[in-house]
Protein backbone atom coordinates (compact mmCIF):
# COMPACT_ATOMS: atom_id res chain seq x y z
CA MET A 1 75.42 135.73 92.44
CA ILE A 2 78.81 134.51 93.57
CA GLN A 3 81.95 135.98 92.02
CA ALA A 4 84.51 133.16 92.00
CA VAL A 5 88.14 132.97 90.95
CA VAL A 6 89.62 129.61 89.98
CA ILE A 7 93.39 129.23 90.28
CA SER A 8 94.74 127.39 87.24
CA ASN A 9 98.06 125.66 86.84
CA GLY A 10 97.52 125.62 83.09
CA LEU A 11 95.80 122.23 83.16
CA GLU A 12 93.98 121.55 79.92
CA GLY A 13 90.19 121.53 80.17
CA ILE A 14 89.81 123.30 83.50
CA GLN A 15 87.41 125.77 81.87
CA THR A 16 84.96 122.93 81.25
CA TYR A 17 84.87 122.14 84.98
CA PHE A 18 83.95 125.69 86.00
CA VAL A 19 81.38 127.18 83.62
CA SER A 20 79.59 130.38 84.67
CA ASN A 21 75.87 129.98 85.35
CA LYS A 22 72.97 131.62 87.18
CA LEU A 23 74.55 130.99 90.59
CA VAL A 24 78.17 131.87 90.00
CA THR A 25 80.46 133.73 87.62
CA TYR A 26 83.88 132.11 87.25
CA THR A 27 87.14 133.85 86.39
CA ILE A 28 90.05 131.55 85.54
CA LEU A 29 93.35 132.92 86.83
CA GLU A 30 96.49 131.21 85.57
CA ILE A 31 99.61 130.99 87.69
CA GLU A 32 102.44 132.81 85.98
CA GLU A 33 105.87 134.10 86.93
CA ASN A 34 105.68 136.63 89.77
CA PHE A 35 102.21 135.37 90.69
CA ASN A 36 100.52 138.16 92.66
CA PRO A 37 96.76 138.18 92.06
CA ASN A 38 94.28 140.80 93.25
CA LEU A 39 91.50 138.88 95.00
CA ASN A 40 89.51 141.88 96.22
CA SER A 41 86.64 141.62 93.73
CA PHE A 42 85.88 137.95 94.44
CA ASP A 43 83.68 136.20 97.00
CA LEU A 44 85.04 132.69 96.47
CA LEU A 45 88.58 131.41 95.86
CA ILE A 46 88.74 127.93 94.30
CA VAL A 47 91.91 125.87 94.26
CA PRO A 48 91.19 122.78 92.13
CA ASN A 49 92.98 119.46 91.94
CA GLY A 50 96.41 119.72 90.33
CA CYS A 51 97.23 123.23 91.53
CA ASP A 52 100.69 124.69 92.25
CA HIS A 53 100.99 124.88 96.03
CA ILE A 54 104.38 126.52 95.98
CA ALA A 55 102.71 129.42 94.16
CA MET A 56 99.85 129.36 96.67
CA ALA A 57 102.34 129.51 99.54
CA SER A 58 103.79 132.65 97.98
CA ILE A 59 100.41 134.40 98.43
CA LYS A 60 99.44 132.87 101.79
CA ASP A 61 99.14 136.35 103.34
CA LYS A 62 96.71 137.38 100.61
CA VAL A 63 94.65 134.25 101.17
CA ALA A 64 94.57 134.95 104.92
CA ALA A 65 93.45 138.54 104.30
CA PHE A 66 90.82 137.31 101.82
CA LEU A 67 89.38 134.98 104.46
CA ASP A 68 89.61 137.57 107.21
CA ASN A 69 87.38 139.75 105.04
CA GLY A 70 84.66 137.11 105.44
CA LYS A 71 85.16 135.39 102.10
CA VAL A 72 85.25 131.74 101.09
CA LEU A 73 87.92 129.21 100.10
CA PHE A 74 87.27 125.89 98.37
CA CYS A 75 90.37 123.69 98.12
CA PHE A 76 90.00 120.37 96.30
CA ASP A 77 93.66 119.39 96.22
CA GLY A 78 96.32 118.07 98.56
CA TRP A 79 98.20 121.17 99.73
CA PHE A 80 101.68 120.16 100.81
CA THR A 81 102.72 123.73 101.65
CA ASN A 82 101.37 125.57 104.66
CA TRP A 83 99.17 128.21 103.08
CA ILE A 84 95.70 127.33 104.44
CA PRO A 85 95.09 128.82 107.90
CA GLY A 86 94.74 126.25 110.67
CA ASN A 87 94.53 123.14 108.47
CA GLN A 88 97.11 120.96 106.72
CA TRP A 89 96.78 118.14 104.18
CA ILE A 90 98.87 115.08 104.98
CA MET A 91 100.02 112.69 102.26
CA SER A 92 99.57 109.13 103.47
CA ASN A 93 99.84 105.84 101.60
CA GLU A 94 100.36 103.41 104.46
CA LYS A 95 96.70 102.35 104.42
CA LYS A 96 95.37 100.00 101.75
CA SER A 97 92.80 101.54 99.41
CA ILE A 98 90.80 98.31 99.54
CA ASP A 99 90.06 99.12 103.21
CA VAL A 100 88.89 102.70 102.58
CA ARG A 101 85.37 103.50 103.76
CA TYR A 102 83.88 106.94 104.39
CA HIS A 103 81.46 107.94 107.13
CA ILE A 104 79.59 111.16 107.85
CA LYS A 105 80.79 112.63 111.14
CA THR A 106 78.85 115.88 111.29
CA ASP A 107 76.77 117.73 108.71
CA ARG A 108 74.77 120.50 110.34
CA TYR A 109 74.37 122.39 107.06
CA GLN A 110 73.40 119.27 105.08
CA LEU A 111 76.23 119.59 102.60
CA LEU A 112 76.05 115.81 102.12
CA LYS A 113 72.29 115.78 101.60
CA ASP A 114 71.05 113.45 98.83
CA ILE A 115 74.50 111.89 98.42
CA ASP A 116 75.06 108.16 98.62
CA ILE A 117 78.41 107.98 100.42
CA ASN A 118 79.15 104.65 98.74
CA GLN A 119 79.43 106.56 95.48
CA LEU A 120 82.37 108.45 96.95
CA ILE A 121 83.97 105.21 98.07
CA TYR A 122 83.57 102.96 95.05
CA SER A 123 84.13 103.34 91.32
CA HIS A 124 83.72 100.17 89.26
CA ASN A 125 83.72 98.32 92.61
CA ILE A 126 87.19 99.65 93.46
CA SER A 127 87.38 101.53 96.78
CA GLY A 128 89.44 104.57 97.65
CA TRP A 129 89.33 106.12 94.18
CA TRP A 130 88.44 109.72 95.09
CA ALA A 131 90.45 111.25 97.94
CA CYS A 132 94.08 110.80 98.99
CA GLY A 133 95.66 111.23 102.40
CA TYR A 134 93.81 113.18 105.08
CA ILE A 135 93.54 116.59 106.72
CA GLU A 136 94.96 117.69 110.05
CA THR A 137 92.26 120.13 111.08
CA SER A 138 92.07 123.13 113.31
CA LYS A 139 90.50 122.25 116.67
CA ASN A 140 87.29 124.16 115.85
CA ALA A 141 86.69 122.83 112.34
CA ASP A 142 83.79 120.53 111.45
CA VAL A 143 84.79 117.17 110.00
CA LEU A 144 82.03 116.35 107.52
CA LEU A 145 83.45 113.12 106.19
CA GLU A 146 86.04 110.79 107.74
CA ASP A 147 87.64 107.57 106.58
CA THR A 148 87.96 104.09 108.05
CA TRP A 149 90.59 105.33 110.50
CA GLN A 150 88.62 108.45 111.58
CA ARG A 151 90.86 110.71 109.52
CA PRO A 152 89.22 113.88 108.11
CA ILE A 153 88.45 113.78 104.37
CA ILE A 154 86.09 116.77 103.98
CA VAL A 155 86.36 119.69 106.38
CA LEU A 156 84.31 122.83 106.97
CA ASP A 157 86.10 125.53 108.95
CA GLU A 158 84.21 128.67 109.99
CA LYS A 159 86.32 129.38 113.08
CA SER A 160 89.98 129.73 112.11
CA THR A 161 89.28 132.97 110.20
CA ASN A 162 86.40 135.36 109.65
CA GLY A 163 85.60 133.48 106.45
CA ILE A 164 84.64 129.96 105.44
CA MET A 165 86.87 127.14 104.22
CA ILE A 166 85.65 123.91 102.65
CA LEU A 167 88.55 121.52 102.09
CA THR A 168 88.89 118.03 100.67
CA ALA A 169 91.80 115.62 101.07
CA SER A 170 92.74 115.93 97.40
CA GLY A 171 89.23 114.95 96.33
CA PRO A 172 88.46 116.78 93.06
CA LEU A 173 85.20 118.64 92.52
CA GLY A 174 83.88 120.87 89.75
CA ASP A 175 80.74 122.79 88.92
CA SER A 176 80.01 120.65 85.89
CA GLY A 177 80.46 117.50 87.95
CA ALA A 178 83.43 116.71 85.71
CA ILE A 179 85.58 114.35 87.76
CA PRO A 180 88.12 111.61 87.05
CA SER A 181 85.62 108.77 86.98
CA ASP A 182 83.57 107.43 84.09
CA GLU A 183 81.03 105.76 86.35
CA GLU A 184 77.80 107.72 86.17
CA SER A 185 76.83 107.36 89.84
CA SER A 186 80.13 108.72 91.14
CA TYR A 187 79.97 111.56 88.61
CA ALA A 188 76.52 112.51 89.90
CA ALA A 189 77.48 112.30 93.59
CA LEU A 190 80.29 114.82 93.30
CA GLY A 191 78.16 117.12 91.17
CA ILE A 192 75.50 117.14 93.91
CA LEU A 193 78.11 117.76 96.61
CA TYR A 194 79.48 120.78 94.77
CA GLN A 195 76.00 122.22 94.20
CA ASN A 196 75.19 121.78 97.90
CA MET A 197 78.34 123.72 98.72
CA LEU A 198 77.39 126.55 96.38
CA HIS A 199 73.89 126.85 97.83
CA PHE A 200 75.35 126.90 101.34
CA ILE A 201 77.63 129.78 100.37
CA LEU A 202 74.76 131.65 98.71
CA LYS A 203 72.66 131.38 101.87
CA LYS A 204 75.55 132.66 103.96
CA LYS A 205 76.15 135.50 101.51
CA ASP A 206 72.47 136.49 101.45
CA TYR A 207 72.31 136.45 105.24
CA ALA A 208 75.39 138.66 105.51
CA ASN A 209 73.96 141.12 102.96
CA ASN A 210 70.49 141.28 104.52
CA ARG A 211 71.17 141.26 108.25
CA VAL A 212 70.23 144.35 110.22
CA ILE A 213 72.81 145.80 112.57
CA ILE A 214 71.21 147.39 115.66
């Protein structure tokens, strides 16, 4: 079982995106004045789309310590402040969305298994609907998905800290598959992606708990 904390900016309906189930228990933590959360009891920190990145920057040292303790960060938003170790989201609108295409670059853990990448590209035949901008990655991070211009869109970083970071270029995800698209295929694709990520984390967690130190 994963113990996850979801950072909320008070957005209505966020609870419906992260519903506790047999794999993970979610705690919703709202950003308030003098934001200073205790993350010690959690395995997974989730920063969803629409979060307050000024508030996140105020606890960047806590996030770094959380990761250095071997824990996990999911960020599904464009972080314009420098609070994620080794990686930075870049806002970019100089490319036309009609030209956006995504390609798998590397996927050694099969996080993109059973996903039709076209479903991340198109919604109602309009391309570029999901992500925004791109990620400047640490030199040791894995780029799972890149765009037409070889810019990172989904990143897995196991090297910058002792923990694991899975980051999207402002591409929203949720445990229920609830995403800003009413096209069923796109809805399903992001739901599968999120479940693949959870199972990856569970395998890593089980390995860490069961390994024998000689």
